[in-house]
Every structure is written in C-alpha cells, then in structure tokens.
Amino acid sequence: MKVQEINREELLEFIAKAHRNTYAAPGEIRQKHRCKVPILSGHKDYEFVDGLWRYHDSYAGRILAPGSEVVFFKDVPVWRMSYQSMPDESLSESYYQNCVFPFLRRALTAFKDDCPFRGLNGFTEPEYSFQYNFQIRGDYKYFTGQEIIEDCGREVFFQDVMGALIK
C-alpha cells in the first residue's frame, strides 16, 4: 500500500470538526454520531464522516475510560490518538458524571485550531471552580501530553494522551 501524504491543515481542521461533533459535543449532536453497535463489546463508539475523511473514537468504562481515536483518509488510517485517565478514587462517580465530565466536554471544545487534540491550557468558566490544563510535547506528527482538571486548586482528574501520524 502506498503511503499517503496528508495535508497538515486539512487533517487538523478535520480533527477539530470531529471533536466538536462527537464526545465533547452537546448531547443531541453527540448522540447523532454515537455508533449503535460498538466495534468492541462494552465500548462506546463515535464516528464522524466529512467527505473523504472519517473519524472513529472508541472507549470503555465510565470513570477509568481508556480509549483511542483514529482518523482515516480515503479509508486508510492516517492518524491516531490514545488516552488513559485516572480520577481521584476518593470522589464519587456521581461527582465525575455530573460535574467533572460535563466540564471536560466543554474544555475539549475550547482549543487552538493548530492543536485540536485536547482542550485549551488554562481553560476555566467563571461560574465554576474547575480549571483545565493541558501540557503537550510535540505536534500532530507525534506528541505526548497530559490533561489535568482541578477543582478549587485540588487535582481531581488527569489523563495521559499520545498521538501520531500513521505511515
């Protein structure tokens, strides 16, 4: 199979569009792209298609929820990102489902167009006590990073991510 050259701007634009239409999207938009049948049993999958581009996100779990995203161009996988979280186990699942994860979704739609992988470092909302931070090393070709959510300065959630082009 011949390796495709991928246009950086088109790839980043598509990743941004996919993120705004899947997990991080408002409920009605998110549900439109949720797969009725996941590829792997026990997973939640989302798929977004725009022209020759296709995005697939799959994760398992509710609190500890490892997963990965794959971007396809002309049905060939060209980029992938994996993630693994670790919440503060002294806090309730209800706190995560009703407070932390809704904030995380909003943070994940606030990103720079040249770095749409996770949220904007330092993201806050005035009416909430949460702060989102994302530190990244590298770029779309290969990167590692970590996102952290703090509540009143206390770390309540972190997630490691890594992504790269596929050749």
Foldseek 3Di string as FASTA:
>chain_A
DDDDDDDLLVVLQVLLVQLCQADLHPDVSNVVFWDPDDPDPQKTKGWDDDVQKIKIKIWHDQQFIKIKMFIDGNNHTWKMKIKTKDFDVVDDSCCCVPPVSNVQSVQLNAPDSQASPGGDAQDDDVVAQKTKGKDWDDGRQKIKIKIFIDGVNHTGMMMIMIMHTDD
